Protein backbone atom coordinates (compact mmCIF):
# COMPACT_ATOMS: atom_id res chain seq x y z
CA MET A 1 14.69 95.64 6.01
CA GLY A 2 13.37 92.09 6.16
CA ASP A 3 9.81 90.79 6.20
CA LYS A 4 7.65 92.40 8.87
CA ILE A 5 6.40 90.05 11.60
CA LEU A 6 3.77 91.03 14.17
CA ILE A 7 3.89 89.04 17.43
CA ILE A 8 0.73 89.10 19.56
CA GLU A 9 1.72 87.33 22.80
CA ASP A 10 0.99 88.26 26.42
CA GLU A 11 3.98 86.49 28.04
CA PRO A 12 6.99 88.86 27.92
CA ALA A 13 9.57 86.06 28.23
CA ILE A 14 8.18 84.24 25.19
CA ALA A 15 7.82 87.50 23.26
CA ASP A 16 11.42 88.48 24.04
CA ALA A 17 12.70 85.09 22.82
CA LEU A 18 10.69 85.40 19.60
CA LEU A 19 11.83 88.98 19.01
CA TYR A 20 15.46 87.98 19.45
CA ALA A 21 15.19 84.90 17.22
CA LEU A 22 13.32 86.68 14.42
CA THR A 23 15.44 89.83 14.37
CA THR A 24 18.61 87.72 14.43
CA GLU A 25 17.30 85.98 11.30
CA GLY A 26 16.82 89.32 9.56
CA PHE A 27 13.10 89.86 10.15
CA GLU A 28 11.61 93.15 11.34
CA ALA A 29 9.53 92.13 14.37
CA HIS A 30 7.04 94.10 16.48
CA TRP A 31 5.42 92.90 19.71
CA CYS A 32 1.93 93.61 21.09
CA GLY A 33 0.83 92.08 24.38
CA LEU A 34 -2.95 92.33 23.88
CA ALA A 35 -5.39 91.43 21.11
CA ARG A 36 -6.72 94.99 20.83
CA ASP A 37 -3.21 96.42 20.45
CA GLY A 38 -2.32 93.82 17.85
CA MET A 39 -5.45 94.55 15.83
CA SER A 40 -4.76 98.29 15.98
CA TRP A 41 -1.15 97.80 14.82
CA LEU A 42 -2.20 95.46 12.01
CA LYS A 43 -4.73 97.94 10.64
CA GLN A 44 -2.17 100.76 10.57
CA ASN A 45 1.01 98.98 9.45
CA PRO A 46 1.95 96.62 6.60
CA VAL A 47 2.68 93.14 7.99
CA ASP A 48 3.91 90.00 6.19
CA LEU A 49 2.99 87.48 8.91
CA VAL A 50 1.31 87.38 12.34
CA VAL A 51 2.48 85.13 15.20
CA LEU A 52 -0.64 84.90 17.35
CA ASP A 53 -1.04 83.41 20.84
CA VAL A 54 -4.34 81.57 21.34
CA GLY A 55 -4.64 82.37 25.07
CA LEU A 56 -4.61 86.17 25.14
CA PRO A 57 -6.07 87.83 28.27
CA ASP A 58 -8.47 90.21 26.51
CA GLU A 59 -9.69 88.04 23.60
CA SER A 60 -9.27 84.51 22.30
CA GLY A 61 -6.68 84.21 19.54
CA PHE A 62 -9.23 82.18 17.59
CA GLU A 63 -11.72 85.05 17.68
CA LEU A 64 -9.01 87.58 16.79
CA CYS A 65 -8.05 85.42 13.81
CA ARG A 66 -11.66 85.43 12.62
CA ARG A 67 -11.75 89.23 12.85
CA ILE A 68 -8.45 89.57 10.98
CA ARG A 69 -9.73 87.32 8.21
CA GLN A 70 -12.59 89.75 7.63
CA PHE A 71 -10.18 92.28 6.11
CA SER A 72 -6.79 90.59 5.59
CA ALA A 73 -5.29 87.39 4.15
CA VAL A 74 -1.98 87.92 6.01
CA PRO A 75 -0.46 84.53 7.00
CA ILE A 76 -1.12 83.65 10.66
CA MET A 77 0.80 81.23 12.89
CA PHE A 78 -0.91 80.21 16.15
CA LEU A 79 1.02 79.65 19.39
CA THR A 80 -0.78 77.67 22.07
CA ALA A 81 -0.28 75.62 25.22
CA ARG A 82 -3.25 73.42 24.23
CA LYS A 83 -2.37 70.13 22.51
CA GLU A 84 -5.86 68.83 21.75
CA GLU A 85 -6.38 67.88 18.10
CA VAL A 86 -9.74 69.66 17.98
CA ASP A 87 -8.05 72.97 18.81
CA ARG A 88 -5.53 72.45 16.04
CA ILE A 89 -8.30 71.67 13.55
CA VAL A 90 -10.33 74.71 14.62
CA GLY A 91 -7.28 76.94 14.30
CA LEU A 92 -6.49 75.78 10.77
CA GLU A 93 -10.10 75.86 9.60
CA ILE A 94 -10.66 79.46 10.67
CA GLY A 95 -7.75 80.58 8.55
CA ALA A 96 -4.42 79.93 10.29
CA ASP A 97 -1.42 78.83 8.23
CA ASP A 98 0.40 76.95 11.01
CA TYR A 99 -0.18 75.88 14.62
CA VAL A 100 2.70 75.45 17.11
CA VAL A 101 2.33 74.00 20.61
CA LYS A 102 4.33 75.40 23.54
CA PRO A 103 7.08 74.84 24.56
CA PHE A 104 8.89 75.37 21.28
CA SER A 105 12.30 76.39 20.01
CA PRO A 106 12.50 80.02 18.79
CA ARG A 107 14.69 78.73 15.94
CA GLU A 108 11.86 76.38 14.95
CA ILE A 109 9.52 79.37 14.81
CA SER A 110 11.96 81.22 12.53
CA ALA A 111 12.15 78.21 10.21
CA ARG A 112 8.36 77.86 10.11
CA VAL A 113 7.96 81.59 9.44
CA ARG A 114 10.32 81.33 6.46
CA ALA A 115 8.41 78.32 5.11
CA ILE A 116 5.05 80.09 5.39
CA LEU A 117 6.38 83.22 3.70
CA ARG A 118 7.81 81.15 0.83
CA ARG A 119 4.41 79.55 0.28
CA ALA A 120 2.60 82.88 0.55
CA ARG A 121 4.84 84.72 -1.91
CA PRO A 122 3.45 84.35 -5.46
CA SER A 123 5.84 83.48 -8.27
CA ALA A 124 5.61 85.17 -11.64
CA PRO A 125 4.40 82.89 -14.45
CA THR A 126 7.00 81.92 -17.02
CA SER A 127 6.50 80.91 -20.66
CA ASP A 128 7.10 77.26 -19.65
CA SER A 129 4.68 77.34 -16.74
CA LEU A 130 1.95 78.84 -18.92
CA MET A 131 2.00 75.56 -20.88
CA GLU A 132 1.51 73.45 -17.74
CA PRO A 133 -1.95 72.48 -16.44
CA LEU A 134 -3.25 75.03 -13.97
CA PHE A 135 -4.24 72.29 -11.49
CA ALA A 136 -2.75 68.89 -10.67
CA HIS A 137 -4.69 66.57 -8.36
CA ASP A 138 -2.79 63.88 -6.43
CA GLU A 139 -5.76 61.86 -5.16
CA GLU A 140 -3.59 59.18 -3.51
CA ARG A 141 -1.89 61.73 -1.23
CA LYS A 142 -4.99 63.94 -1.13
CA ARG A 143 -3.29 67.12 -2.25
CA ILE A 144 -3.77 69.62 -5.05
CA ARG A 145 -1.17 71.63 -6.92
CA TYR A 146 -2.02 75.03 -8.40
CA HIS A 147 0.34 76.86 -10.77
CA GLN A 148 3.21 74.54 -9.78
CA GLN A 149 2.69 75.05 -6.01
CA TRP A 150 1.08 72.60 -3.59
CA LEU A 151 -1.86 74.17 -1.78
CA GLU A 152 -2.08 74.15 2.02
CA LEU A 153 -5.76 73.22 2.31
CA THR A 154 -7.94 72.30 5.25
CA ARG A 155 -9.82 69.00 5.00
CA TYR A 156 -13.04 70.63 3.87
CA GLU A 157 -11.29 72.97 1.43
CA TYR A 158 -9.58 69.96 -0.15
CA LEU A 159 -12.83 67.98 -0.47
CA ILE A 160 -14.73 70.93 -1.99
CA LEU A 161 -11.96 71.81 -4.46
CA SER A 162 -11.46 68.18 -5.48
CA ALA A 163 -15.21 67.87 -6.16
CA LEU A 164 -15.07 70.91 -8.42
CA LEU A 165 -11.99 69.55 -10.22
CA ARG A 166 -13.73 66.24 -10.91
CA HIS A 167 -16.42 68.17 -12.81
CA PRO A 168 -14.63 71.08 -14.53
CA GLU A 169 -16.85 73.81 -16.00
CA HIS A 170 -19.93 72.11 -14.53
CA ILE A 171 -22.03 73.94 -11.95
CA LEU A 172 -22.21 72.14 -8.62
CA SER A 173 -24.87 73.29 -6.17
CA ARG A 174 -24.10 73.94 -2.52
CA ASP A 175 -25.97 70.73 -1.65
CA GLN A 176 -23.77 68.73 -4.04
CA LEU A 177 -20.63 70.24 -2.54
CA MET A 178 -21.88 69.53 0.99
CA ASP A 179 -22.54 65.90 0.01
CA ALA A 180 -18.96 65.67 -1.27
CA ALA A 181 -17.35 67.18 1.84
CA TRP A 182 -19.47 66.19 4.88
CA ASN A 183 -20.33 62.72 6.15
CA ASP A 184 -23.58 64.18 7.51
CA PRO A 185 -24.49 67.12 5.25
CA ALA A 186 -27.73 67.70 7.15
CA ALA A 187 -25.68 68.76 10.18
CA SER A 188 -24.08 71.68 8.30
CA LEU A 189 -25.42 74.93 6.89
CA ASP A 190 -25.11 75.60 3.18
CA ARG A 191 -23.53 79.00 3.93
CA VAL A 192 -20.54 77.07 5.27
CA ILE A 193 -19.75 76.24 1.63
CA ASP A 194 -19.44 79.96 0.86
CA THR A 195 -17.00 80.39 3.76
CA HIS A 196 -14.78 77.56 2.56
CA ILE A 197 -14.94 78.76 -1.07
CA LYS A 198 -13.73 82.15 0.17
CA GLY A 199 -10.83 80.45 1.94
CA ILE A 200 -9.90 78.48 -1.19
CA ARG A 201 -10.00 81.64 -3.31
CA THR A 202 -7.73 83.45 -0.86
CA LYS A 203 -5.12 80.67 -1.11
CA LEU A 204 -5.35 80.53 -4.91
CA LYS A 205 -4.91 84.29 -5.22
CA LYS A 206 -1.79 84.21 -3.04
CA ILE A 207 -0.20 82.08 -5.76
CA LEU A 208 -1.69 83.73 -8.88
CA PRO A 209 -3.36 87.04 -7.91
CA SER A 210 -4.55 87.84 -11.46
CA ASN A 211 -6.64 84.68 -11.79
CA ASP A 212 -9.83 83.42 -10.13
CA PRO A 213 -10.70 79.97 -11.51
CA ILE A 214 -13.73 79.49 -9.25
CA VAL A 215 -16.87 80.95 -10.80
CA THR A 216 -19.90 81.92 -8.70
CA HIS A 217 -23.27 81.20 -10.32
CA ARG A 218 -25.70 83.19 -8.21
CA GLY A 219 -28.58 81.08 -6.95
CA LEU A 220 -27.10 77.93 -8.49
CA GLY A 221 -23.67 77.14 -7.05
CA TYR A 222 -20.05 77.11 -8.19
CA SER A 223 -17.93 75.83 -11.07
CA ILE A 224 -14.22 75.80 -11.84
CA GLU A 225 -12.37 76.84 -15.00
CA LEU A 226 -9.13 74.99 -15.73
CA SER A 227 -7.72 77.72 -17.97
CA ARG A 228 -6.55 81.13 -16.77
CA SER A 229 -9.27 83.72 -16.70
CA GLU A 230 -10.14 87.18 -15.42
CA PRO A 231 -11.37 87.38 -11.81
CA ALA A 232 -14.88 85.99 -11.43
CA ALA A 233 -17.77 87.51 -9.51
């Protein structure tokens, strides 16, 4: 069987189109019409990706995504009828991997699902790759490569990780990281740093599960190791 896709969408016509497109492409797809049913299915069945509608009748897709992220790093693609940029930013910052606005082509969804799954699937290190730098920072294009794969980072995740990479093996406090990432650090809470660090770690572990280059220094802040290491606290 192919990769398992969970569709959480309350409109049967859209769900039917997605089911047909995904199964035709070789995926194993299951449909739930409500947030509570989708959450129940996800907790009881292995899933490789979730296609999640934002406008569910019993719970916002954004809130459901937050609850899923409390126990799972499964890739999530949002479907929405809302085109506002702020909604797209919120969706990506709370842990979504992609955000598609209705109407859309079911074939486009299949292509995006394949792309997300390729990014999410870790590759085994080879003898050649072990000689390559663990991180590569393209500051001009504002992107970071980890173990030969470009990371899909939110704006704040990129700014925090780039600050750590500019000072490898040096401890940066939460205040220093907030200064690096926010135009008005006073408007944010320092615990937000912990949330974004958790998101960065999740994305790094998808690529190289055995390694955690971000080190937590309790009461002090965070640092980053540029060589492979055992998982940090």
